Amino acid sequence: MRWCLAFIVVVAFAGEAAAQTKGKGIRLWNLTSETISGFQLSPTGKTEWGPNQTLNDKDKEVDHDERLRITGVEPGRYDAKVGYPNGRQCMVRDIEIKADAVFSIADKDLKDCKK
């Protein structure tokens, strides 16, 4: 009985330790002056746009100074398509995305904006 209890304690602590070492994942930090309503990534130089990452947020938008969890993306270099509620859409080129890290976009990064 004692061995069983000891085993349960060890497994519980191992699970907790694994959870603590697991990173927070990739996150976007919106440093633009507006709320983002669309954010799609494609490998740099291609037009293979992934899903709208803002759908990962509870209110489906990313406010100024808010962080957004990015899913289904491997570390690498990407272009981004950024959309705003007023219909404006901009590009951000050659973003470096690292595992378990935060990357940011700011107004100065926005290119080729169209409405």
PDB file of N, CA and C in Angstrom:
ATOM      1  N   MET A   1       0.828  -1.193   0.000  1.00  0.00           N
ATOM      2  CA  MET A   1       0.000   0.000   0.000  1.00  0.00           C
ATOM      3  C   MET A   1       0.877   1.263   0.000  1.00  0.00           C
ATOM      4  N   ARG A   2       1.950   1.238   0.806  1.00  0.00           N
ATOM      5  CA  ARG A   2       2.829   2.404   0.868  1.00  0.00           C
ATOM      6  C   ARG A   2       3.494   2.656  -0.486  1.00  0.00           C
ATOM      7  N   TRP A   3       3.882   1.561  -1.161  1.00  0.00           N
ATOM      8  CA  TRP A   3       4.523   1.714  -2.474  1.00  0.00           C
ATOM      9  C   TRP A   3       3.550   2.344  -3.461  1.00  0.00           C
ATOM     10  N   CYS A   4       2.316   1.946  -3.386  1.00  0.00           N
ATOM     11  CA  CYS A   4       1.296   2.496  -4.285  1.00  0.00           C
ATOM     12  C   CYS A   4       1.119   3.991  -4.033  1.00  0.00           C
ATOM     13  N   LEU A   5       1.048   4.381  -2.773  1.00  0.00           N
ATOM     14  CA  LEU A   5       0.909   5.786  -2.419  1.00  0.00           C
ATOM     15  C   LEU A   5       2.145   6.578  -2.856  1.00  0.00           C
ATOM     16  N   ALA A   6       3.319   6.019  -2.653  1.00  0.00           N
ATOM     17  CA  ALA A   6       4.559   6.675  -3.066  1.00  0.00           C
ATOM     18  C   ALA A   6       4.590   6.847  -4.578  1.00  0.00           C
ATOM     19  N   PHE A   7       4.154   5.831  -5.304  1.00  0.00           N
ATOM     20  CA  PHE A   7       4.123   5.901  -6.757  1.00  0.00           C
ATOM     21  C   PHE A   7       3.187   7.021  -7.222  1.00  0.00           C
ATOM     22  N   ILE A   8       2.027   7.140  -6.619  1.00  0.00           N
ATOM     23  CA  ILE A   8       1.059   8.187  -6.988  1.00  0.00           C
ATOM     24  C   ILE A   8       1.657   9.574  -6.738  1.00  0.00           C
ATOM     25  N   VAL A   9       2.340   9.747  -5.622  1.00  0.00           N
ATOM     26  CA  VAL A   9       2.972  11.028  -5.300  1.00  0.00           C
ATOM     27  C   VAL A   9       4.046  11.366  -6.333  1.00  0.00           C
ATOM     28  N   VAL A  10       4.876  10.389  -6.685  1.00  0.00           N
ATOM     29  CA  VAL A  10       5.939  10.618  -7.673  1.00  0.00           C
ATOM     30  C   VAL A  10       5.336  10.995  -9.021  1.00  0.00           C
ATOM     31  N   VAL A  11       4.317  10.292  -9.463  1.00  0.00           N
ATOM     32  CA  VAL A  11       3.670  10.581 -10.749  1.00  0.00           C
ATOM     33  C   VAL A  11       3.039  11.974 -10.723  1.00  0.00           C
ATOM     34  N   ALA A  12       2.420  12.339  -9.632  1.00  0.00           N
ATOM     35  CA  ALA A  12       1.797  13.662  -9.527  1.00  0.00           C
ATOM     36  C   ALA A  12       2.853  14.759  -9.636  1.00  0.00           C
ATOM     37  N   PHE A  13       3.975  14.620  -8.931  1.00  0.00           N
ATOM     38  CA  PHE A  13       5.032  15.623  -9.000  1.00  0.00           C
ATOM     39  C   PHE A  13       5.679  15.667 -10.379  1.00  0.00           C
ATOM     40  N   ALA A  14       5.835  14.518 -11.017  1.00  0.00           N
ATOM     41  CA  ALA A  14       6.423  14.476 -12.368  1.00  0.00           C
ATOM     42  C   ALA A  14       5.520  15.219 -13.347  1.00  0.00           C
ATOM     43  N   GLY A  15       4.215  15.010 -13.228  1.00  0.00           N
ATOM     44  CA  GLY A  15       3.275  15.716 -14.109  1.00  0.00           C
ATOM     45  C   GLY A  15       3.315  17.212 -13.888  1.00  0.00           C
ATOM     46  N   GLU A  16       3.408  17.635 -12.643  1.00  0.00           N
ATOM     47  CA  GLU A  16       3.486  19.063 -12.326  1.00  0.00           C
ATOM     48  C   GLU A  16       4.782  19.661 -12.856  1.00  0.00           C
ATOM     49  N   ALA A  17       5.889  18.941 -12.689  1.00  0.00           N
ATOM     50  CA  ALA A  17       7.177  19.431 -13.198  1.00  0.00           C
ATOM     51  C   ALA A  17       7.153  19.551 -14.715  1.00  0.00           C
ATOM     52  N   ALA A  18       6.556  18.585 -15.392  1.00  0.00           N
ATOM     53  CA  ALA A  18       6.466  18.642 -16.859  1.00  0.00           C
ATOM     54  C   ALA A  18       5.626  19.835 -17.291  1.00  0.00           C
ATOM     55  N   ALA A  19       4.553  20.106 -16.593  1.00  0.00           N
ATOM     56  CA  ALA A  19       3.710  21.252 -16.929  1.00  0.00           C
ATOM     57  C   ALA A  19       4.460  22.559 -16.732  1.00  0.00           C
ATOM     58  N   GLN A  20       5.318  22.634 -15.713  1.00  0.00           N
ATOM     59  CA  GLN A  20       6.059  23.860 -15.459  1.00  0.00           C
ATOM     60  C   GLN A  20       7.149  24.090 -16.496  1.00  0.00           C
ATOM     61  N   THR A  21       7.731  23.011 -17.037  1.00  0.00           N
ATOM     62  CA  THR A  21       8.789  23.186 -18.031  1.00  0.00           C
ATOM     63  C   THR A  21       8.216  23.412 -19.424  1.00  0.00           C
ATOM     64  N   LYS A  22       6.959  23.082 -19.634  1.00  0.00           N
ATOM     65  CA  LYS A  22       6.330  23.300 -20.931  1.00  0.00           C
ATOM     66  C   LYS A  22       6.204  24.804 -21.147  1.00  0.00           C
ATOM     67  N   GLY A  23       6.624  25.287 -22.325  1.00  0.00           N
ATOM     68  CA  GLY A  23       6.593  26.715 -22.605  1.00  0.00           C
ATOM     69  C   GLY A  23       5.181  27.236 -22.800  1.00  0.00           C
ATOM     70  N   LYS A  24       5.103  28.536 -22.896  1.00  0.00           N
ATOM     71  CA  LYS A  24       3.810  29.184 -23.096  1.00  0.00           C
ATOM     72  C   LYS A  24       3.387  29.179 -24.556  1.00  0.00           C
ATOM     73  N   GLY A  25       4.248  28.686 -25.428  1.00  0.00           N
ATOM     74  CA  GLY A  25       3.917  28.649 -26.845  1.00  0.00           C
ATOM     75  C   GLY A  25       4.285  29.965 -27.523  1.00  0.00           C
ATOM     76  N   ILE A  26       3.954  30.040 -28.782  1.00  0.00           N
ATOM     77  CA  ILE A  26       4.241  31.226 -29.586  1.00  0.00           C
ATOM     78  C   ILE A  26       3.114  32.236 -29.371  1.00  0.00           C
ATOM     79  N   ARG A  27       3.492  33.498 -29.156  1.00  0.00           N
ATOM     80  CA  ARG A  27       2.496  34.546 -28.934  1.00  0.00           C
ATOM     81  C   ARG A  27       2.823  35.789 -29.745  1.00  0.00           C
ATOM     82  N   LEU A  28       1.778  36.426 -30.254  1.00  0.00           N
ATOM     83  CA  LEU A  28       1.870  37.710 -30.943  1.00  0.00           C
ATOM     84  C   LEU A  28       1.548  38.799 -29.939  1.00  0.00           C
ATOM     85  N   TRP A  29       2.348  39.851 -29.930  1.00  0.00           N
ATOM     86  CA  TRP A  29       2.092  41.018 -29.085  1.00  0.00           C
ATOM     87  C   TRP A  29       1.703  42.148 -30.021  1.00  0.00           C
ATOM     88  N   ASN A  30       0.461  42.595 -29.937  1.00  0.00           N
ATOM     89  CA  ASN A  30      -0.050  43.652 -30.812  1.00  0.00           C
ATOM     90  C   ASN A  30       0.389  45.012 -30.289  1.00  0.00           C
ATOM     91  N   LEU A  31       1.390  45.579 -30.934  1.00  0.00           N
ATOM     92  CA  LEU A  31       1.844  46.928 -30.586  1.00  0.00           C
ATOM     93  C   LEU A  31       1.408  47.943 -31.632  1.00  0.00           C
ATOM     94  N   THR A  32       0.473  47.548 -32.510  1.00  0.00           N
ATOM     95  CA  THR A  32      -0.098  48.525 -33.426  1.00  0.00           C
ATOM     96  C   THR A  32      -1.065  49.399 -32.635  1.00  0.00           C
ATOM     97  N   SER A  33      -1.462  50.492 -33.207  1.00  0.00           N
ATOM     98  CA  SER A  33      -2.333  51.432 -32.492  1.00  0.00           C
ATOM     99  C   SER A  33      -3.814  51.050 -32.569  1.00  0.00           C
ATOM    100  N   GLU A  34      -4.113  49.930 -33.238  1.00  0.00           N
ATOM    101  CA  GLU A  34      -5.508  49.526 -33.415  1.00  0.00           C
ATOM    102  C   GLU A  34      -5.726  48.076 -32.989  1.00  0.00           C
ATOM    103  N   THR A  35      -6.985  47.734 -32.823  1.00  0.00           N
ATOM    104  CA  THR A  35      -7.382  46.363 -32.551  1.00  0.00           C
ATOM    105  C   THR A  35      -7.298  45.561 -33.842  1.00  0.00           C
ATOM    106  N   ILE A  36      -6.705  44.374 -33.770  1.00  0.00           N
ATOM    107  CA  ILE A  36      -6.578  43.491 -34.927  1.00  0.00           C
ATOM    108  C   ILE A  36      -7.746  42.507 -34.931  1.00  0.00           C
ATOM    109  N   SER A  37      -8.381  42.346 -36.095  1.00  0.00           N
ATOM    110  CA  SER A  37      -9.485  41.392 -36.207  1.00  0.00           C
ATOM    111  C   SER A  37      -9.132  40.207 -37.113  1.00  0.00           C
ATOM    112  N   GLY A  38      -7.986  40.262 -37.770  1.00  0.00           N
ATOM    113  CA  GLY A  38      -7.539  39.163 -38.616  1.00  0.00           C
ATOM    114  C   GLY A  38      -6.024  39.078 -38.593  1.00  0.00           C
ATOM    115  N   PHE A  39      -5.495  37.875 -38.453  1.00  0.00           N
ATOM    116  CA  PHE A  39      -4.040  37.685 -38.465  1.00  0.00           C
ATOM    117  C   PHE A  39      -3.746  36.314 -39.039  1.00  0.00           C
ATOM    118  N   GLN A  40      -3.166  36.291 -40.255  1.00  0.00           N
ATOM    119  CA  GLN A  40      -2.832  35.047 -40.935  1.00  0.00           C
ATOM    120  C   GLN A  40      -1.352  35.032 -41.274  1.00  0.00           C
ATOM    121  N   LEU A  41      -0.764  33.852 -41.217  1.00  0.00           N
ATOM    122  CA  LEU A  41       0.655  33.696 -41.516  1.00  0.00           C
ATOM    123  C   LEU A  41       0.859  32.815 -42.737  1.00  0.00           C
ATOM    124  N   SER A  42       1.935  33.113 -43.474  1.00  0.00           N
ATOM    125  CA  SER A  42       2.363  32.314 -44.613  1.00  0.00           C
ATOM    126  C   SER A  42       3.883  32.272 -44.600  1.00  0.00           C
ATOM    127  N   PRO A  43       4.478  31.141 -44.987  1.00  0.00           N
ATOM    128  CA  PRO A  43       5.942  31.138 -45.087  1.00  0.00           C
ATOM    129  C   PRO A  43       6.408  32.319 -45.952  1.00  0.00           C
ATOM    130  N   THR A  44       7.498  32.952 -45.555  1.00  0.00           N
ATOM    131  CA  THR A  44       7.995  34.147 -46.246  1.00  0.00           C
ATOM    132  C   THR A  44       8.090  33.910 -47.749  1.00  0.00           C
ATOM    133  N   GLY A  45       7.545  34.856 -48.510  1.00  0.00           N
ATOM    134  CA  GLY A  45       7.609  34.806 -49.962  1.00  0.00           C
ATOM    135  C   GLY A  45       6.546  33.961 -50.625  1.00  0.00           C
ATOM    136  N   LYS A  46       5.697  33.314 -49.857  1.00  0.00           N
ATOM    137  CA  LYS A  46       4.628  32.479 -50.418  1.00  0.00           C
ATOM    138  C   LYS A  46       3.282  33.104 -50.083  1.00  0.00           C
ATOM    139  N   THR A  47       2.231  32.574 -50.654  1.00  0.00           N
ATOM    140  CA  THR A  47       0.883  33.052 -50.340  1.00  0.00           C
ATOM    141  C   THR A  47       0.011  31.896 -49.851  1.00  0.00           C
ATOM    142  N   GLU A  48       0.583  31.081 -49.007  1.00  0.00           N
ATOM    143  CA  GLU A  48      -0.115  29.925 -48.432  1.00  0.00           C
ATOM    144  C   GLU A  48      -0.629  30.307 -47.046  1.00  0.00           C
ATOM    145  N   TRP A  49      -1.673  31.141 -47.019  1.00  0.00           N
ATOM    146  CA  TRP A  49      -2.156  31.711 -45.761  1.00  0.00           C
ATOM    147  C   TRP A  49      -2.813  30.662 -44.884  1.00  0.00           C
ATOM    148  N   GLY A  50      -2.411  30.663 -43.636  1.00  0.00           N
ATOM    149  CA  GLY A  50      -3.007  29.776 -42.645  1.00  0.00           C
ATOM    150  C   GLY A  50      -4.297  30.375 -42.100  1.00  0.00           C
ATOM    151  N   PRO A  51      -4.863  29.738 -41.095  1.00  0.00           N
ATOM    152  CA  PRO A  51      -6.128  30.196 -40.521  1.00  0.00           C
ATOM    153  C   PRO A  51      -5.984  31.537 -39.799  1.00  0.00           C
ATOM    154  N   ASN A  52      -7.116  32.187 -39.607  1.00  0.00           N
ATOM    155  CA  ASN A  52      -7.169  33.451 -38.864  1.00  0.00           C
ATOM    156  C   ASN A  52      -6.877  33.158 -37.394  1.00  0.00           C
ATOM    157  N   GLN A  53      -5.698  33.568 -36.946  1.00  0.00           N
ATOM    158  CA  GLN A  53      -5.263  33.283 -35.578  1.00  0.00           C
ATOM    159  C   GLN A  53      -6.054  34.060 -34.531  1.00  0.00           C
ATOM    160  N   THR A  54      -6.717  35.154 -34.917  1.00  0.00           N
ATOM    161  CA  THR A  54      -7.482  35.904 -33.915  1.00  0.00           C
ATOM    162  C   THR A  54      -8.646  35.076 -33.368  1.00  0.00           C
ATOM    163  N   LEU A  55      -9.016  34.011 -34.074  1.00  0.00           N
ATOM    164  CA  LEU A  55     -10.078  33.138 -33.577  1.00  0.00           C
ATOM    165  C   LEU A  55      -9.642  32.385 -32.320  1.00  0.00           C
ATOM    166  N   ASN A  56      -8.332  32.421 -32.010  1.00  0.00           N
ATOM    167  CA  ASN A  56      -7.818  31.812 -30.777  1.00  0.00           C
ATOM    168  C   ASN A  56      -8.111  32.673 -29.550  1.00  0.00           C
ATOM    169  N   ASP A  57      -8.521  33.917 -29.762  1.00  0.00           N
ATOM    170  CA  ASP A  57      -8.781  34.842 -28.655  1.00  0.00           C
ATOM    171  C   ASP A  57     -10.244  34.734 -28.229  1.00  0.00           C
ATOM    172  N   LYS A  58     -10.502  34.930 -26.954  1.00  0.00           N
ATOM    173  CA  LYS A  58     -11.880  34.761 -26.462  1.00  0.00           C
ATOM    174  C   LYS A  58     -12.862  35.732 -27.099  1.00  0.00           C
ATOM    175  N   ASP A  59     -12.428  36.961 -27.440  1.00  0.00           N
ATOM    176  CA  ASP A  59     -13.350  37.895 -28.102  1.00  0.00           C
ATOM    177  C   ASP A  59     -13.072  38.031 -29.601  1.00  0.00           C
ATOM    178  N   LYS A  60     -12.199  37.162 -30.118  1.00  0.00           N
ATOM    179  CA  LYS A  60     -11.893  37.066 -31.554  1.00  0.00           C
ATOM    180  C   LYS A  60     -11.223  38.303 -32.117  1.00  0.00           C
ATOM    181  N   GLU A  61     -10.650  39.131 -31.252  1.00  0.00           N
ATOM    182  CA  GLU A  61      -9.891  40.316 -31.654  1.00  0.00           C
ATOM    183  C   GLU A  61      -8.699  40.462 -30.717  1.00  0.00           C
ATOM    184  N   VAL A  62      -7.686  41.207 -31.176  1.00  0.00           N
ATOM    185  CA  VAL A  62      -6.488  41.419 -30.375  1.00  0.00           C
ATOM    186  C   VAL A  62      -6.321  42.923 -30.193  1.00  0.00           C
ATOM    187  N   ASP A  63      -6.603  43.394 -29.004  1.00  0.00           N
ATOM    188  CA  ASP A  63      -6.505  44.820 -28.709  1.00  0.00           C
ATOM    189  C   ASP A  63      -5.052  45.275 -28.687  1.00  0.00           C
ATOM    190  N   HIS A  64      -4.863  46.594 -28.764  1.00  0.00           N
ATOM    191  CA  HIS A  64      -3.525  47.164 -28.607  1.00  0.00           C
ATOM    192  C   HIS A  64      -2.941  46.684 -27.286  1.00  0.00           C
ATOM    193  N   ASP A  65      -1.691  46.253 -27.295  1.00  0.00           N
ATOM    194  CA  ASP A  65      -0.943  45.799 -26.121  1.00  0.00           C
ATOM    195  C   ASP A  65      -1.446  44.454 -25.571  1.00  0.00           C
ATOM    196  N   GLU A  66      -2.240  43.741 -26.346  1.00  0.00           N
ATOM    197  CA  GLU A  66      -2.698  42.411 -25.942  1.00  0.00           C
ATOM    198  C   GLU A  66      -1.845  41.361 -26.650  1.00  0.00           C
ATOM    199  N   ARG A  67      -1.716  40.210 -26.029  1.00  0.00           N
ATOM    200  CA  ARG A  67      -0.986  39.095 -26.630  1.00  0.00           C
ATOM    201  C   ARG A  67      -1.962  38.018 -27.079  1.00  0.00           C
ATOM    202  N   LEU A  68      -1.606  37.367 -28.174  1.00  0.00           N
ATOM    203  CA  LEU A  68      -2.451  36.342 -28.778  1.00  0.00           C
ATOM    204  C   LEU A  68      -1.661  35.055 -28.918  1.00  0.00           C
ATOM    205  N   ARG A  69      -2.230  33.961 -28.488  1.00  0.00           N
ATOM    206  CA  ARG A  69      -1.612  32.644 -28.652  1.00  0.00           C
ATOM    207  C   ARG A  69      -1.719  32.238 -30.115  1.00  0.00           C
ATOM    208  N   ILE A  70      -0.581  31.864 -30.714  1.00  0.00           N
ATOM    209  CA  ILE A  70      -0.523  31.421 -32.106  1.00  0.00           C
ATOM    210  C   ILE A  70      -0.438  29.902 -32.101  1.00  0.00           C
ATOM    211  N   THR A  71      -1.296  29.245 -32.885  1.00  0.00           N
ATOM    212  CA  THR A  71      -1.314  27.783 -32.900  1.00  0.00           C
ATOM    213  C   THR A  71      -1.043  27.252 -34.305  1.00  0.00           C
ATOM    214  N   GLY A  72      -0.532  26.034 -34.362  1.00  0.00           N
ATOM    215  CA  GLY A  72      -0.329  25.357 -35.634  1.00  0.00           C
ATOM    216  C   GLY A  72       0.784  25.929 -36.488  1.00  0.00           C
ATOM    217  N   VAL A  73       1.726  26.634 -35.872  1.00  0.00           N
ATOM    218  CA  VAL A  73       2.816  27.284 -36.603  1.00  0.00           C
ATOM    219  C   VAL A  73       4.140  26.816 -36.017  1.00  0.00           C
ATOM    220  N   GLU A  74       5.034  26.410 -36.879  1.00  0.00           N
ATOM    221  CA  GLU A  74       6.373  26.001 -36.476  1.00  0.00           C
ATOM    222  C   GLU A  74       7.299  27.220 -36.471  1.00  0.00           C
ATOM    223  N   PRO A  75       8.349  27.214 -35.669  1.00  0.00           N
ATOM    224  CA  PRO A  75       9.315  28.310 -35.719  1.00  0.00           C
ATOM    225  C   PRO A  75       9.865  28.475 -37.138  1.00  0.00           C
ATOM    226  N   GLY A  76      10.123  29.719 -37.514  1.00  0.00           N
ATOM    227  CA  GLY A  76      10.637  30.018 -38.848  1.00  0.00           C
ATOM    228  C   GLY A  76      10.375  31.468 -39.204  1.00  0.00           C
ATOM    229  N   ARG A  77      10.438  31.772 -40.487  1.00  0.00           N
ATOM    230  CA  ARG A  77      10.188  33.138 -40.971  1.00  0.00           C
ATOM    231  C   ARG A  77       8.883  33.148 -41.746  1.00  0.00           C
ATOM    232  N   TYR A  78       8.067  34.158 -41.448  1.00  0.00           N
ATOM    233  CA  TYR A  78       6.734  34.242 -42.022  1.00  0.00           C
ATOM    234  C   TYR A  78       6.404  35.668 -42.456  1.00  0.00           C
ATOM    235  N   ASP A  79       5.479  35.756 -43.417  1.00  0.00           N
ATOM    236  CA  ASP A  79       4.807  37.004 -43.737  1.00  0.00           C
ATOM    237  C   ASP A  79       3.448  36.935 -43.044  1.00  0.00           C
ATOM    238  N   ALA A  80       2.905  38.095 -42.695  1.00  0.00           N
ATOM    239  CA  ALA A  80       1.601  38.126 -42.027  1.00  0.00           C
ATOM    240  C   ALA A  80       0.655  39.054 -42.769  1.00  0.00           C
ATOM    241  N   LYS A  81      -0.599  38.635 -42.788  1.00  0.00           N
ATOM    242  CA  LYS A  81      -1.682  39.459 -43.297  1.00  0.00           C
ATOM    243  C   LYS A  81      -2.459  39.911 -42.060  1.00  0.00           C
ATOM    244  N   VAL A  82      -2.532  41.229 -41.863  1.00  0.00           N
ATOM    245  CA  VAL A  82      -3.149  41.796 -40.663  1.00  0.00           C
ATOM    246  C   VAL A  82      -4.407  42.549 -41.078  1.00  0.00           C
ATOM    247  N   GLY A  83      -5.533  42.201 -40.469  1.00  0.00           N
ATOM    248  CA  GLY A  83      -6.799  42.849 -40.791  1.00  0.00           C
ATOM    249  C   GLY A  83      -7.345  43.616 -39.598  1.00  0.00           C
ATOM    250  N   TYR A  84      -8.067  44.690 -39.922  1.00  0.00           N
ATOM    251  CA  TYR A  84      -8.656  45.556 -38.897  1.00  0.00           C
ATOM    252  C   TYR A  84     -10.168  45.622 -39.071  1.00  0.00           C
ATOM    253  N   PRO A  85     -10.907  45.901 -37.999  1.00  0.00           N
ATOM    254  CA  PRO A  85     -12.367  45.936 -38.073  1.00  0.00           C
ATOM    255  C   PRO A  85     -12.916  46.903 -39.128  1.00  0.00           C
ATOM    256  N   ASN A  86     -12.187  47.963 -39.458  1.00  0.00           N
ATOM    257  CA  ASN A  86     -12.668  48.934 -40.450  1.00  0.00           C
ATOM    258  C   ASN A  86     -12.443  48.465 -41.883  1.00  0.00           C
ATOM    259  N   GLY A  87     -11.925  47.244 -42.065  1.00  0.00           N
ATOM    260  CA  GLY A  87     -11.716  46.691 -43.400  1.00  0.00           C
ATOM    261  C   GLY A  87     -10.308  46.876 -43.938  1.00  0.00           C
ATOM    262  N   ARG A  88      -9.495  47.666 -43.272  1.00  0.00           N
ATOM    263  CA  ARG A  88      -8.114  47.869 -43.718  1.00  0.00           C
ATOM    264  C   ARG A  88      -7.339  46.573 -43.519  1.00  0.00           C
ATOM    265  N   GLN A  89      -6.463  46.288 -44.497  1.00  0.00           N
ATOM    266  CA  GLN A  89      -5.633  45.100 -44.416  1.00  0.00           C
ATOM    267  C   GLN A  89      -4.205  45.485 -44.781  1.00  0.00           C
ATOM    268  N   CYS A  90      -3.240  45.001 -44.002  1.00  0.00           N
ATOM    269  CA  CYS A  90      -1.832  45.328 -44.203  1.00  0.00           C
ATOM    270  C   CYS A  90      -1.001  44.057 -44.192  1.00  0.00           C
ATOM    271  N   MET A  91       0.208  44.171 -44.697  1.00  0.00           N
ATOM    272  CA  MET A  91       1.164  43.075 -44.687  1.00  0.00           C
ATOM    273  C   MET A  91       2.307  43.407 -43.725  1.00  0.00           C
ATOM    274  N   VAL A  92       2.838  42.380 -43.110  1.00  0.00           N
ATOM    275  CA  VAL A  92       4.073  42.480 -42.342  1.00  0.00           C
ATOM    276  C   VAL A  92       4.969  41.387 -42.913  1.00  0.00           C
ATOM    277  N   ARG A  93       6.150  41.766 -43.360  1.00  0.00           N
ATOM    278  CA  ARG A  93       7.021  40.828 -44.068  1.00  0.00           C
ATOM    279  C   ARG A  93       8.174  40.327 -43.192  1.00  0.00           C
ATOM    280  N   ASP A  94       8.496  39.064 -43.394  1.00  0.00           N
ATOM    281  CA  ASP A  94       9.699  38.435 -42.831  1.00  0.00           C
ATOM    282  C   ASP A  94       9.779  38.523 -41.302  1.00  0.00           C
ATOM    283  N   ILE A  95       8.749  38.018 -40.643  1.00  0.00           N
ATOM    284  CA  ILE A  95       8.725  37.960 -39.183  1.00  0.00           C
ATOM    285  C   ILE A  95       9.470  36.703 -38.744  1.00  0.00           C
ATOM    286  N   GLU A  96      10.366  36.838 -37.803  1.00  0.00           N
ATOM    287  CA  GLU A  96      11.024  35.664 -37.242  1.00  0.00           C
ATOM    288  C   GLU A  96      10.212  35.171 -36.050  1.00  0.00           C
ATOM    289  N   ILE A  97       9.790  33.921 -36.128  1.00  0.00           N
ATOM    290  CA  ILE A  97       9.007  33.311 -35.063  1.00  0.00           C
ATOM    291  C   ILE A  97       9.849  32.215 -34.431  1.00  0.00           C
ATOM    292  N   LYS A  98      10.018  32.316 -33.115  1.00  0.00           N
ATOM    293  CA  LYS A  98      10.807  31.337 -32.358  1.00  0.00           C
ATOM    294  C   LYS A  98       9.885  30.545 -31.446  1.00  0.00           C
ATOM    295  N   ALA A  99      10.296  29.336 -31.133  1.00  0.00           N
ATOM    296  CA  ALA A  99       9.505  28.475 -30.252  1.00  0.00           C
ATOM    297  C   ALA A  99       9.350  29.113 -28.876  1.00  0.00           C
ATOM    298  N   ASP A 100       8.155  29.013 -28.315  1.00  0.00           N
ATOM    299  CA  ASP A 100       7.865  29.501 -26.963  1.00  0.00           C
ATOM    300  C   ASP A 100       8.322  30.938 -26.737  1.00  0.00           C
ATOM    301  N   ALA A 101       8.125  31.784 -27.745  1.00  0.00           N
ATOM    302  CA  ALA A 101       8.572  33.177 -27.644  1.00  0.00           C
ATOM    303  C   ALA A 101       7.460  34.115 -28.102  1.00  0.00           C
ATOM    304  N   VAL A 102       7.614  35.349 -27.713  1.00  0.00           N
ATOM    305  CA  VAL A 102       6.696  36.407 -28.126  1.00  0.00           C
ATOM    306  C   VAL A 102       7.343  37.172 -29.273  1.00  0.00           C
ATOM    307  N   PHE A 103       6.572  37.426 -30.326  1.00  0.00           N
ATOM    308  CA  PHE A 103       7.011  38.339 -31.380  1.00  0.00           C
ATOM    309  C   PHE A 103       6.000  39.464 -31.432  1.00  0.00           C
ATOM    310  N   SER A 104       6.430  40.626 -31.861  1.00  0.00           N
ATOM    311  CA  SER A 104       5.514  41.770 -31.869  1.00  0.00           C
ATOM    312  C   SER A 104       5.423  42.374 -33.256  1.00  0.00           C
ATOM    313  N   ILE A 105       4.317  43.061 -33.493  1.00  0.00           N
ATOM    314  CA  ILE A 105       4.182  43.903 -34.685  1.00  0.00           C
ATOM    315  C   ILE A 105       3.730  45.276 -34.214  1.00  0.00           C
ATOM    316  N   ALA A 106       4.255  46.294 -34.884  1.00  0.00           N
ATOM    317  CA  ALA A 106       3.941  47.685 -34.556  1.00  0.00           C
ATOM    318  C   ALA A 106       3.548  48.400 -35.840  1.00  0.00           C
ATOM    319  N   ASP A 107       3.032  49.603 -35.704  1.00  0.00           N
ATOM    320  CA  ASP A 107       2.603  50.376 -36.872  1.00  0.00           C
ATOM    321  C   ASP A 107       3.714  50.500 -37.915  1.00  0.00           C
ATOM    322  N   LYS A 108       4.950  50.657 -37.477  1.00  0.00           N
ATOM    323  CA  LYS A 108       6.074  50.825 -38.399  1.00  0.00           C
ATOM    324  C   LYS A 108       6.327  49.587 -39.245  1.00  0.00           C
ATOM    325  N   ASP A 109       5.831  48.418 -38.812  1.00  0.00           N
ATOM    326  CA  ASP A 109       6.016  47.165 -39.541  1.00  0.00           C
ATOM    327  C   ASP A 109       4.988  46.962 -40.654  1.00  0.00           C
ATOM    328  N   LEU A 110       3.892  47.693 -40.610  1.00  0.00           N
ATOM    329  CA  LEU A 110       2.785  47.496 -41.554  1.00  0.00           C
ATOM    330  C   LEU A 110       3.163  48.042 -42.927  1.00  0.00           C
ATOM    331  N   LYS A 111       2.960  47.234 -43.974  1.00  0.00           N
ATOM    332  CA  LYS A 111       3.272  47.614 -45.350  1.00  0.00           C
ATOM    333  C   LYS A 111       2.062  47.330 -46.249  1.00  0.00           C
ATOM    334  N   ASP A 112       2.028  48.007 -47.386  1.00  0.00           N
ATOM    335  CA  ASP A 112       1.024  47.723 -48.424  1.00  0.00           C
ATOM    336  C   ASP A 112      -0.410  47.701 -47.872  1.00  0.00           C
ATOM    337  N   CYS A 113      -0.751  48.700 -47.062  1.00  0.00           N
ATOM    338  CA  CYS A 113      -2.095  48.731 -46.462  1.00  0.00           C
ATOM    339  C   CYS A 113      -3.122  49.147 -47.511  1.00  0.00           C
ATOM    340  N   LYS A 114      -4.281  48.441 -47.482  1.00  0.00           N
ATOM    341  CA  LYS A 114      -5.381  48.706 -48.409  1.00  0.00           C
ATOM    342  C   LYS A 114      -6.688  48.656 -47.642  1.00  0.00           C
ATOM    343  N   LYS A 115      -7.654  49.369 -48.147  1.00  0.00           N
ATOM    344  CA  LYS A 115      -8.976  49.298 -47.532  1.00  0.00           C
ATOM    345  C   LYS A 115     -10.000  48.770 -48.481  1.00  0.00           C
TER     346      LYS A 115
END
